[in-house]
């Protein structure tokens, strides 16, 4: 199955490592360092011209990963995968 990230960018879900919220995850210094290192290595692809809301990490090879900066929210991307259908969101109690 494939996952559309926007702007004519599609990845195969078998290569998907993780979908992350950019605002919440970049609070961590470790995540910021990872994204900085990936950018310096030329492994960051900006999928949108708008402010990114999430980043998606995909395997590219044995020890390489590509980071896609995406304008879509992590929950939207998750719903686009088959996993999103398998784990529906819990409803709030009334």
C-alpha atoms as a PDB file:
ATOM      1  CA  UNK A   1       0.000   0.000   0.000  1.00  0.00           C
ATOM      2  CA  UNK A   2       1.079   3.558  -0.635  1.00  0.00           C
ATOM      3  CA  UNK A   3       0.793   6.713   1.447  1.00  0.00           C
ATOM      4  CA  UNK A   4       0.302  10.100  -0.238  1.00  0.00           C
ATOM      5  CA  UNK A   5       2.220  12.802   1.644  1.00  0.00           C
ATOM      6  CA  UNK A   6       1.162  15.680  -0.589  1.00  0.00           C
ATOM      7  CA  UNK A   7       2.609  17.582  -3.552  1.00  0.00           C
ATOM      8  CA  UNK A   8       2.996  14.481  -5.755  1.00  0.00           C
ATOM      9  CA  UNK A   9       4.992  12.619  -3.092  1.00  0.00           C
ATOM     10  CA  UNK A  10       4.014   9.012  -2.417  1.00  0.00           C
ATOM     11  CA  UNK A  11       5.834   6.452  -0.278  1.00  0.00           C
ATOM     12  CA  UNK A  12       5.369   2.731   0.103  1.00  0.00           C
ATOM     13  CA  UNK A  13       4.040   1.859   3.556  1.00  0.00           C
ATOM     14  CA  UNK A  14       6.525  -1.003   3.899  1.00  0.00           C
ATOM     15  CA  UNK A  15       9.260   1.677   4.019  1.00  0.00           C
ATOM     16  CA  UNK A  16       7.452   3.689   6.704  1.00  0.00           C
ATOM     17  CA  UNK A  17       9.305   3.876  10.014  1.00  0.00           C
ATOM     18  CA  UNK A  18       7.262   6.537  11.785  1.00  0.00           C
ATOM     19  CA  UNK A  19       4.942   9.526  11.574  1.00  0.00           C
ATOM     20  CA  UNK A  20       5.757  12.299  14.039  1.00  0.00           C
ATOM     21  CA  UNK A  21       4.173  15.573  15.143  1.00  0.00           C
ATOM     22  CA  UNK A  22       6.750  18.246  14.375  1.00  0.00           C
ATOM     23  CA  UNK A  23       5.628  20.658  17.087  1.00  0.00           C
ATOM     24  CA  UNK A  24       5.575  18.136  19.946  1.00  0.00           C
ATOM     25  CA  UNK A  25       8.566  16.007  19.007  1.00  0.00           C
ATOM     26  CA  UNK A  26      11.013  18.850  18.373  1.00  0.00           C
ATOM     27  CA  UNK A  27      10.831  19.779  22.047  1.00  0.00           C
ATOM     28  CA  UNK A  28      13.371  17.006  22.555  1.00  0.00           C
ATOM     29  CA  UNK A  29      16.987  17.948  21.935  1.00  0.00           C
ATOM     30  CA  UNK A  30      17.638  14.443  20.579  1.00  0.00           C
ATOM     31  CA  UNK A  31      14.964  14.840  17.896  1.00  0.00           C
ATOM     32  CA  UNK A  32      16.287  18.269  16.904  1.00  0.00           C
ATOM     33  CA  UNK A  33      19.790  16.819  16.621  1.00  0.00           C
ATOM     34  CA  UNK A  34      18.488  13.917  14.471  1.00  0.00           C
ATOM     35  CA  UNK A  35      16.662  16.283  12.108  1.00  0.00           C
ATOM     36  CA  UNK A  36      19.701  18.552  11.885  1.00  0.00           C
ATOM     37  CA  UNK A  37      21.987  15.625  11.080  1.00  0.00           C
ATOM     38  CA  UNK A  38      19.558  14.320   8.439  1.00  0.00           C
ATOM     39  CA  UNK A  39      19.351  17.767   6.850  1.00  0.00           C
ATOM     40  CA  UNK A  40      23.146  18.115   6.705  1.00  0.00           C
ATOM     41  CA  UNK A  41      23.329  14.664   5.082  1.00  0.00           C
ATOM     42  CA  UNK A  42      20.805  15.728   2.435  1.00  0.00           C
ATOM     43  CA  UNK A  43      18.162  13.252   3.560  1.00  0.00           C
ATOM     44  CA  UNK A  44      15.359  15.759   4.278  1.00  0.00           C
ATOM     45  CA  UNK A  45      12.682  16.321   1.644  1.00  0.00           C
ATOM     46  CA  UNK A  46      10.273  19.210   2.090  1.00  0.00           C
ATOM     47  CA  UNK A  47       6.994  18.022   0.579  1.00  0.00           C
ATOM     48  CA  UNK A  48       5.168  21.328   0.923  1.00  0.00           C
ATOM     49  CA  UNK A  49       5.761  25.028   0.555  1.00  0.00           C
ATOM     50  CA  UNK A  50       3.637  25.629   3.673  1.00  0.00           C
ATOM     51  CA  UNK A  51       4.640  25.371   7.311  1.00  0.00           C
ATOM     52  CA  UNK A  52       5.154  21.650   8.083  1.00  0.00           C
ATOM     53  CA  UNK A  53       3.044  19.975  10.778  1.00  0.00           C
ATOM     54  CA  UNK A  54       4.636  16.544  10.730  1.00  0.00           C
ATOM     55  CA  UNK A  55       7.631  14.599   9.584  1.00  0.00           C
ATOM     56  CA  UNK A  56       7.689  11.077   8.223  1.00  0.00           C
ATOM     57  CA  UNK A  57      10.740   8.837   8.472  1.00  0.00           C
ATOM     58  CA  UNK A  58      11.158   6.148   5.801  1.00  0.00           C
ATOM     59  CA  UNK A  59      13.837   3.532   5.308  1.00  0.00           C
ATOM     60  CA  UNK A  60      15.954   4.095   2.255  1.00  0.00           C
ATOM     61  CA  UNK A  61      18.518   1.385   2.556  1.00  0.00           C
ATOM     62  CA  UNK A  62      20.375  -0.713   5.065  1.00  0.00           C
ATOM     63  CA  UNK A  63      21.347   2.133   7.397  1.00  0.00           C
ATOM     64  CA  UNK A  64      19.781   5.164   5.737  1.00  0.00           C
ATOM     65  CA  UNK A  65      16.484   6.922   6.271  1.00  0.00           C
ATOM     66  CA  UNK A  66      14.751   9.767   4.475  1.00  0.00           C
ATOM     67  CA  UNK A  67      12.821  12.408   6.408  1.00  0.00           C
ATOM     68  CA  UNK A  68       9.816  13.992   4.694  1.00  0.00           C
ATOM     69  CA  UNK A  69       8.503  17.300   6.079  1.00  0.00           C
ATOM     70  CA  UNK A  70       4.767  17.355   5.480  1.00  0.00           C
ATOM     71  CA  UNK A  71       1.999  19.950   5.800  1.00  0.00           C
ATOM     72  CA  UNK A  72      -0.553  17.320   6.849  1.00  0.00           C
ATOM     73  CA  UNK A  73      -1.179  16.503  10.504  1.00  0.00           C
ATOM     74  CA  UNK A  74       0.111  13.188  11.868  1.00  0.00           C
ATOM     75  CA  UNK A  75      -3.451  12.024  12.541  1.00  0.00           C
ATOM     76  CA  UNK A  76      -4.431  12.633   8.903  1.00  0.00           C
ATOM     77  CA  UNK A  77      -1.418  10.689   7.662  1.00  0.00           C
ATOM     78  CA  UNK A  78      -2.143   7.880  10.109  1.00  0.00           C
ATOM     79  CA  UNK A  79      -5.738   7.654   8.883  1.00  0.00           C
ATOM     80  CA  UNK A  80      -4.488   7.356   5.302  1.00  0.00           C
ATOM     81  CA  UNK A  81      -2.647   4.166   6.196  1.00  0.00           C
ATOM     82  CA  UNK A  82      -4.372   0.831   6.719  1.00  0.00           C
ATOM     83  CA  UNK A  83      -3.241   1.043  10.349  1.00  0.00           C
ATOM     84  CA  UNK A  84      -5.503   4.058  10.844  1.00  0.00           C
ATOM     85  CA  UNK A  85      -8.515   1.902   9.973  1.00  0.00           C
ATOM     86  CA  UNK A  86      -7.358  -0.909  12.284  1.00  0.00           C
ATOM     87  CA  UNK A  87      -7.029   1.378  15.318  1.00  0.00           C
ATOM     88  CA  UNK A  88      -9.978   3.803  15.342  1.00  0.00           C
ATOM     89  CA  UNK A  89      -9.832   6.796  17.668  1.00  0.00           C
ATOM     90  CA  UNK A  90     -11.519   6.361  21.030  1.00  0.00           C
ATOM     91  CA  UNK A  91     -14.651   8.372  21.586  1.00  0.00           C
ATOM     92  CA  UNK A  92     -14.776  10.749  24.509  1.00  0.00           C
ATOM     93  CA  UNK A  93     -17.169   9.728  27.301  1.00  0.00           C
ATOM     94  CA  UNK A  94     -20.402  11.696  27.433  1.00  0.00           C
END
